[in-house]
Amino acid sequence: MYSATFTFAPGDYDDEFHRLDAIIADVAKGIPGYLGEEAWENPAAGLVSTVYYWESLEALQQLMQHPAHLAAKQQQAQWIKGYQVVIAQVLRAHGDGGIAHPLSAAAGAAGVATVAPSHHS
């Protein structure tokens, strides 16, 4: 499994931002291999972070290469004050089941999801 964490400083959003954002969200959810997402805000730092979970890098690449994502990336400076993206391999996920999490379904009944080593570098 992989995660793609998009952290950004919000700016001013317009109708085009909302339109592209909705398209990208729908496209992501429709890609086989999309596992879910979660979002966090840090008001003290003025940052928002969304973590997307994927079964494979190929699934993540489908979103990154989609025309709506490419259009948003070209225009991002209009809507946000800066961003950082971190792509990571998820080796393990576990919890007690007390909170919902996008990887809960992947974790199965035991509450632990383990990933076989990848052949990607």
N, C-alpha and C. Protein backbone atom coordinates (compact mmCIF):
# COMPACT_ATOMS: atom_id res chain seq x y z
N MET A 1 0.85 -1.18 0.00
CA MET A 1 0.00 0.00 0.00
C MET A 1 0.89 1.24 0.00
N TYR A 2 0.31 2.32 -0.45
CA TYR A 2 1.01 3.59 -0.50
C TYR A 2 0.12 4.70 0.02
N SER A 3 0.75 5.77 0.51
CA SER A 3 0.01 6.96 0.88
C SER A 3 0.61 8.14 0.12
N ALA A 4 -0.25 9.09 -0.18
CA ALA A 4 0.17 10.35 -0.78
C ALA A 4 -0.40 11.44 0.13
N THR A 5 0.48 12.14 0.81
CA THR A 5 0.07 13.19 1.75
C THR A 5 0.27 14.54 1.09
N PHE A 6 -0.82 15.27 0.96
CA PHE A 6 -0.82 16.60 0.34
C PHE A 6 -1.07 17.61 1.46
N THR A 7 -0.04 18.37 1.81
CA THR A 7 -0.15 19.39 2.85
C THR A 7 -0.02 20.75 2.19
N PHE A 8 -0.93 21.67 2.54
CA PHE A 8 -0.91 22.97 1.89
C PHE A 8 -1.39 24.08 2.80
N ALA A 9 -1.02 25.30 2.44
CA ALA A 9 -1.49 26.51 3.10
C ALA A 9 -2.63 27.06 2.24
N PRO A 10 -3.86 27.02 2.74
CA PRO A 10 -5.00 27.48 1.94
C PRO A 10 -4.88 28.96 1.55
N GLY A 11 -5.42 29.24 0.38
CA GLY A 11 -5.49 30.61 -0.10
C GLY A 11 -6.94 30.94 -0.40
N ASP A 12 -7.15 31.65 -1.49
CA ASP A 12 -8.50 32.04 -1.89
C ASP A 12 -9.00 31.10 -2.98
N TYR A 13 -10.13 30.48 -2.74
CA TYR A 13 -10.71 29.55 -3.69
C TYR A 13 -11.76 30.25 -4.53
N ASP A 14 -11.84 29.88 -5.80
CA ASP A 14 -12.87 30.41 -6.69
C ASP A 14 -13.68 29.24 -7.26
N ASP A 15 -14.60 29.54 -8.17
CA ASP A 15 -15.45 28.49 -8.74
C ASP A 15 -14.65 27.42 -9.48
N GLU A 16 -13.58 27.83 -10.17
CA GLU A 16 -12.76 26.87 -10.90
C GLU A 16 -12.07 25.91 -9.94
N PHE A 17 -11.60 26.42 -8.81
CA PHE A 17 -11.00 25.54 -7.81
C PHE A 17 -12.00 24.48 -7.35
N HIS A 18 -13.19 24.91 -6.98
CA HIS A 18 -14.21 23.98 -6.49
C HIS A 18 -14.62 22.97 -7.57
N ARG A 19 -14.68 23.42 -8.81
CA ARG A 19 -15.03 22.52 -9.91
C ARG A 19 -13.97 21.43 -10.08
N LEU A 20 -12.71 21.85 -10.17
CA LEU A 20 -11.63 20.87 -10.34
C LEU A 20 -11.49 19.97 -9.12
N ASP A 21 -11.65 20.53 -7.94
CA ASP A 21 -11.55 19.75 -6.70
C ASP A 21 -12.59 18.62 -6.69
N ALA A 22 -13.80 18.93 -7.09
CA ALA A 22 -14.88 17.93 -7.13
C ALA A 22 -14.58 16.84 -8.17
N ILE A 23 -14.08 17.26 -9.31
CA ILE A 23 -13.74 16.28 -10.36
C ILE A 23 -12.63 15.35 -9.88
N ILE A 24 -11.58 15.92 -9.30
CA ILE A 24 -10.45 15.12 -8.83
C ILE A 24 -10.90 14.14 -7.75
N ALA A 25 -11.75 14.59 -6.84
CA ALA A 25 -12.25 13.70 -5.78
C ALA A 25 -13.03 12.54 -6.39
N ASP A 26 -13.89 12.81 -7.36
CA ASP A 26 -14.67 11.75 -8.01
C ASP A 26 -13.77 10.78 -8.79
N VAL A 27 -12.79 11.34 -9.50
CA VAL A 27 -11.88 10.50 -10.27
C VAL A 27 -11.10 9.59 -9.33
N ALA A 28 -10.56 10.14 -8.24
CA ALA A 28 -9.77 9.34 -7.29
C ALA A 28 -10.60 8.17 -6.77
N LYS A 29 -11.82 8.45 -6.34
CA LYS A 29 -12.68 7.40 -5.76
C LYS A 29 -13.05 6.33 -6.78
N GLY A 30 -12.97 6.65 -8.07
CA GLY A 30 -13.31 5.69 -9.11
C GLY A 30 -12.15 4.86 -9.61
N ILE A 31 -10.95 5.15 -9.15
CA ILE A 31 -9.77 4.41 -9.61
C ILE A 31 -9.65 3.11 -8.82
N PRO A 32 -9.59 1.97 -9.51
CA PRO A 32 -9.35 0.72 -8.77
C PRO A 32 -8.01 0.83 -8.03
N GLY A 33 -8.02 0.55 -6.75
CA GLY A 33 -6.82 0.69 -5.95
C GLY A 33 -6.88 1.86 -5.00
N TYR A 34 -7.89 2.73 -5.13
CA TYR A 34 -8.10 3.81 -4.17
C TYR A 34 -8.68 3.19 -2.90
N LEU A 35 -8.04 3.44 -1.76
CA LEU A 35 -8.49 2.85 -0.50
C LEU A 35 -9.22 3.82 0.41
N GLY A 36 -9.01 5.11 0.20
CA GLY A 36 -9.68 6.11 1.04
C GLY A 36 -8.77 7.27 1.34
N GLU A 37 -9.27 8.17 2.14
CA GLU A 37 -8.51 9.37 2.49
C GLU A 37 -8.95 9.90 3.83
N GLU A 38 -8.12 10.74 4.41
CA GLU A 38 -8.46 11.45 5.63
C GLU A 38 -7.82 12.83 5.57
N ALA A 39 -8.44 13.80 6.20
CA ALA A 39 -7.93 15.17 6.15
C ALA A 39 -7.74 15.70 7.56
N TRP A 40 -6.71 16.53 7.70
CA TRP A 40 -6.38 17.13 8.99
C TRP A 40 -6.10 18.61 8.80
N GLU A 41 -6.40 19.38 9.83
CA GLU A 41 -6.07 20.80 9.82
C GLU A 41 -5.22 21.13 11.03
N ASN A 42 -4.28 22.03 10.85
CA ASN A 42 -3.47 22.54 11.93
C ASN A 42 -3.67 24.05 11.94
N PRO A 43 -4.69 24.53 12.68
CA PRO A 43 -4.99 25.96 12.68
C PRO A 43 -3.82 26.83 13.15
N ALA A 44 -3.02 26.33 14.08
CA ALA A 44 -1.89 27.12 14.58
C ALA A 44 -0.88 27.39 13.48
N ALA A 45 -0.66 26.41 12.62
CA ALA A 45 0.30 26.57 11.52
C ALA A 45 -0.38 27.07 10.25
N GLY A 46 -1.72 27.05 10.22
CA GLY A 46 -2.44 27.48 9.02
C GLY A 46 -2.33 26.49 7.88
N LEU A 47 -2.22 25.19 8.20
CA LEU A 47 -2.05 24.18 7.17
C LEU A 47 -3.18 23.17 7.17
N VAL A 48 -3.42 22.59 6.00
CA VAL A 48 -4.38 21.50 5.81
C VAL A 48 -3.61 20.35 5.20
N SER A 49 -3.93 19.13 5.62
CA SER A 49 -3.25 17.96 5.08
C SER A 49 -4.29 16.90 4.76
N THR A 50 -4.19 16.34 3.57
CA THR A 50 -5.04 15.22 3.18
C THR A 50 -4.13 14.05 2.84
N VAL A 51 -4.45 12.89 3.42
CA VAL A 51 -3.69 11.67 3.17
C VAL A 51 -4.58 10.75 2.34
N TYR A 52 -4.08 10.37 1.17
CA TYR A 52 -4.79 9.45 0.28
C TYR A 52 -4.08 8.11 0.37
N TYR A 53 -4.86 7.02 0.42
CA TYR A 53 -4.30 5.68 0.52
C TYR A 53 -4.58 4.91 -0.77
N TRP A 54 -3.57 4.18 -1.25
CA TRP A 54 -3.63 3.48 -2.53
C TRP A 54 -3.07 2.07 -2.40
N GLU A 55 -3.62 1.13 -3.13
CA GLU A 55 -3.09 -0.23 -3.16
C GLU A 55 -1.76 -0.30 -3.89
N SER A 56 -1.55 0.59 -4.88
CA SER A 56 -0.33 0.52 -5.70
C SER A 56 0.07 1.91 -6.18
N LEU A 57 1.32 2.00 -6.58
CA LEU A 57 1.80 3.25 -7.19
C LEU A 57 1.11 3.50 -8.52
N GLU A 58 0.77 2.42 -9.23
CA GLU A 58 0.09 2.57 -10.52
C GLU A 58 -1.27 3.25 -10.33
N ALA A 59 -1.99 2.89 -9.29
CA ALA A 59 -3.29 3.52 -9.01
C ALA A 59 -3.09 5.00 -8.71
N LEU A 60 -2.11 5.32 -7.89
CA LEU A 60 -1.81 6.72 -7.58
C LEU A 60 -1.44 7.48 -8.84
N GLN A 61 -0.63 6.87 -9.70
CA GLN A 61 -0.21 7.53 -10.94
C GLN A 61 -1.40 7.84 -11.86
N GLN A 62 -2.41 6.99 -11.83
CA GLN A 62 -3.60 7.27 -12.65
C GLN A 62 -4.21 8.61 -12.26
N LEU A 63 -4.28 8.88 -10.97
CA LEU A 63 -4.82 10.17 -10.53
C LEU A 63 -3.88 11.31 -10.91
N MET A 64 -2.60 11.12 -10.68
CA MET A 64 -1.64 12.19 -10.95
C MET A 64 -1.59 12.56 -12.43
N GLN A 65 -1.92 11.61 -13.31
CA GLN A 65 -1.87 11.86 -14.75
C GLN A 65 -3.22 12.28 -15.34
N HIS A 66 -4.25 12.34 -14.50
CA HIS A 66 -5.57 12.72 -15.00
C HIS A 66 -5.56 14.20 -15.41
N PRO A 67 -6.23 14.55 -16.51
CA PRO A 67 -6.24 15.95 -16.98
C PRO A 67 -6.71 16.96 -15.93
N ALA A 68 -7.68 16.63 -15.11
CA ALA A 68 -8.16 17.57 -14.08
C ALA A 68 -7.08 17.81 -13.03
N HIS A 69 -6.36 16.77 -12.66
CA HIS A 69 -5.28 16.93 -11.69
C HIS A 69 -4.16 17.79 -12.28
N LEU A 70 -3.82 17.53 -13.55
CA LEU A 70 -2.78 18.32 -14.20
C LEU A 70 -3.19 19.79 -14.33
N ALA A 71 -4.47 20.04 -14.63
CA ALA A 71 -4.96 21.42 -14.73
C ALA A 71 -4.89 22.12 -13.37
N ALA A 72 -5.28 21.41 -12.32
CA ALA A 72 -5.24 22.00 -10.97
C ALA A 72 -3.79 22.30 -10.57
N LYS A 73 -2.90 21.39 -10.89
CA LYS A 73 -1.49 21.59 -10.55
C LYS A 73 -0.92 22.83 -11.25
N GLN A 74 -1.30 23.05 -12.51
CA GLN A 74 -0.82 24.22 -13.24
C GLN A 74 -1.33 25.53 -12.65
N GLN A 75 -2.52 25.48 -12.01
CA GLN A 75 -3.15 26.70 -11.50
C GLN A 75 -3.06 26.83 -9.98
N GLN A 76 -2.39 25.90 -9.31
CA GLN A 76 -2.41 25.84 -7.86
C GLN A 76 -1.99 27.15 -7.18
N ALA A 77 -1.08 27.89 -7.78
CA ALA A 77 -0.60 29.13 -7.16
C ALA A 77 -1.71 30.17 -6.98
N GLN A 78 -2.80 30.05 -7.75
CA GLN A 78 -3.93 30.96 -7.60
C GLN A 78 -4.71 30.69 -6.31
N TRP A 79 -4.67 29.44 -5.84
CA TRP A 79 -5.56 29.02 -4.76
C TRP A 79 -4.89 28.65 -3.46
N ILE A 80 -3.61 28.31 -3.51
CA ILE A 80 -2.93 27.94 -2.28
C ILE A 80 -1.62 28.71 -2.16
N LYS A 81 -1.15 28.84 -0.92
CA LYS A 81 0.03 29.66 -0.65
C LYS A 81 1.31 28.84 -0.57
N GLY A 82 1.21 27.57 -0.84
CA GLY A 82 2.36 26.69 -0.81
C GLY A 82 1.90 25.27 -0.51
N TYR A 83 2.68 24.28 -0.94
CA TYR A 83 2.28 22.89 -0.70
C TYR A 83 3.49 21.98 -0.63
N GLN A 84 3.26 20.80 -0.10
CA GLN A 84 4.25 19.73 -0.04
C GLN A 84 3.50 18.42 -0.26
N VAL A 85 4.06 17.53 -1.07
CA VAL A 85 3.48 16.20 -1.28
C VAL A 85 4.52 15.17 -0.85
N VAL A 86 4.08 14.20 -0.06
CA VAL A 86 4.96 13.11 0.38
C VAL A 86 4.30 11.80 -0.04
N ILE A 87 5.03 11.01 -0.83
CA ILE A 87 4.57 9.68 -1.24
C ILE A 87 5.34 8.69 -0.38
N ALA A 88 4.60 7.78 0.28
CA ALA A 88 5.25 6.82 1.17
C ALA A 88 4.65 5.42 1.00
N GLN A 89 5.48 4.42 1.23
CA GLN A 89 4.99 3.05 1.24
C GLN A 89 4.49 2.74 2.65
N VAL A 90 3.29 2.21 2.75
CA VAL A 90 2.71 1.85 4.03
C VAL A 90 3.09 0.40 4.31
N LEU A 91 3.88 0.19 5.34
CA LEU A 91 4.32 -1.15 5.68
C LEU A 91 3.33 -1.88 6.57
N ARG A 92 2.65 -1.13 7.43
CA ARG A 92 1.74 -1.76 8.37
C ARG A 92 0.77 -0.71 8.88
N ALA A 93 -0.43 -1.16 9.17
CA ALA A 93 -1.43 -0.30 9.80
C ALA A 93 -2.16 -1.14 10.84
N HIS A 94 -2.38 -0.58 12.02
CA HIS A 94 -3.13 -1.31 13.04
C HIS A 94 -3.82 -0.34 13.97
N GLY A 95 -4.81 -0.82 14.66
CA GLY A 95 -5.55 -0.03 15.63
C GLY A 95 -6.46 -0.93 16.42
N ASP A 96 -7.18 -0.34 17.36
CA ASP A 96 -8.07 -1.14 18.20
C ASP A 96 -9.50 -1.19 17.67
N GLY A 97 -9.74 -0.54 16.52
CA GLY A 97 -11.08 -0.53 15.94
C GLY A 97 -11.99 0.53 16.53
N GLY A 98 -11.47 1.32 17.46
CA GLY A 98 -12.28 2.34 18.12
C GLY A 98 -12.60 3.55 17.27
N ILE A 99 -11.84 3.76 16.20
CA ILE A 99 -12.13 4.87 15.28
C ILE A 99 -12.12 4.33 13.86
N ALA A 100 -12.90 4.94 13.02
CA ALA A 100 -12.91 4.56 11.60
C ALA A 100 -11.64 5.08 10.95
N HIS A 101 -11.12 4.31 10.02
CA HIS A 101 -9.93 4.72 9.28
C HIS A 101 -10.02 4.14 7.88
N PRO A 102 -9.51 4.84 6.87
CA PRO A 102 -9.59 4.33 5.50
C PRO A 102 -8.96 2.95 5.33
N LEU A 103 -7.98 2.59 6.14
CA LEU A 103 -7.34 1.29 6.00
C LEU A 103 -8.01 0.20 6.83
N SER A 104 -9.05 0.54 7.57
CA SER A 104 -9.73 -0.46 8.39
C SER A 104 -10.20 -1.65 7.57
N ALA A 105 -10.75 -1.42 6.40
CA ALA A 105 -11.22 -2.52 5.54
C ALA A 105 -10.05 -3.36 5.07
N ALA A 106 -8.92 -2.72 4.78
CA ALA A 106 -7.74 -3.46 4.35
C ALA A 106 -7.11 -4.24 5.50
N ALA A 107 -7.37 -3.77 6.74
CA ALA A 107 -6.76 -4.40 7.90
C ALA A 107 -7.39 -5.75 8.23
N GLY A 108 -8.65 -5.93 7.87
CA GLY A 108 -9.32 -7.20 8.15
C GLY A 108 -9.69 -7.33 9.61
N ALA A 109 -10.14 -8.47 9.99
CA ALA A 109 -10.67 -8.69 11.33
C ALA A 109 -9.61 -8.55 12.42
N ALA A 110 -8.36 -8.86 12.11
CA ALA A 110 -7.33 -8.81 13.13
C ALA A 110 -6.90 -7.39 13.47
N GLY A 111 -7.27 -6.42 12.63
CA GLY A 111 -6.89 -5.04 12.91
C GLY A 111 -5.49 -4.69 12.43
N VAL A 112 -4.86 -5.55 11.66
CA VAL A 112 -3.51 -5.29 11.17
C VAL A 112 -3.47 -5.52 9.67
N ALA A 113 -2.94 -4.56 8.96
CA ALA A 113 -2.72 -4.72 7.52
C ALA A 113 -1.21 -4.77 7.31
N THR A 114 -0.76 -5.76 6.62
CA THR A 114 0.66 -5.89 6.32
C THR A 114 0.82 -5.92 4.81
N VAL A 115 1.88 -5.34 4.34
CA VAL A 115 2.11 -5.24 2.91
C VAL A 115 3.36 -6.02 2.55
N ALA A 116 3.27 -6.81 1.51
CA ALA A 116 4.44 -7.53 1.01
C ALA A 116 5.43 -6.53 0.44
N PRO A 117 6.73 -6.84 0.50
CA PRO A 117 7.71 -5.91 -0.09
C PRO A 117 7.39 -5.65 -1.56
N SER A 118 7.60 -4.41 -1.97
CA SER A 118 7.32 -3.99 -3.33
C SER A 118 8.56 -4.18 -4.20
N HIS A 119 8.32 -4.36 -5.48
CA HIS A 119 9.43 -4.44 -6.43
C HIS A 119 9.76 -3.08 -7.01
N HIS A 120 9.05 -2.04 -6.53
CA HIS A 120 9.31 -0.65 -6.99
C HIS A 120 10.37 -0.04 -6.12
N SER A 121 11.18 0.82 -6.70
CA SER A 121 12.19 1.52 -5.90
C SER A 121 11.69 2.90 -5.56
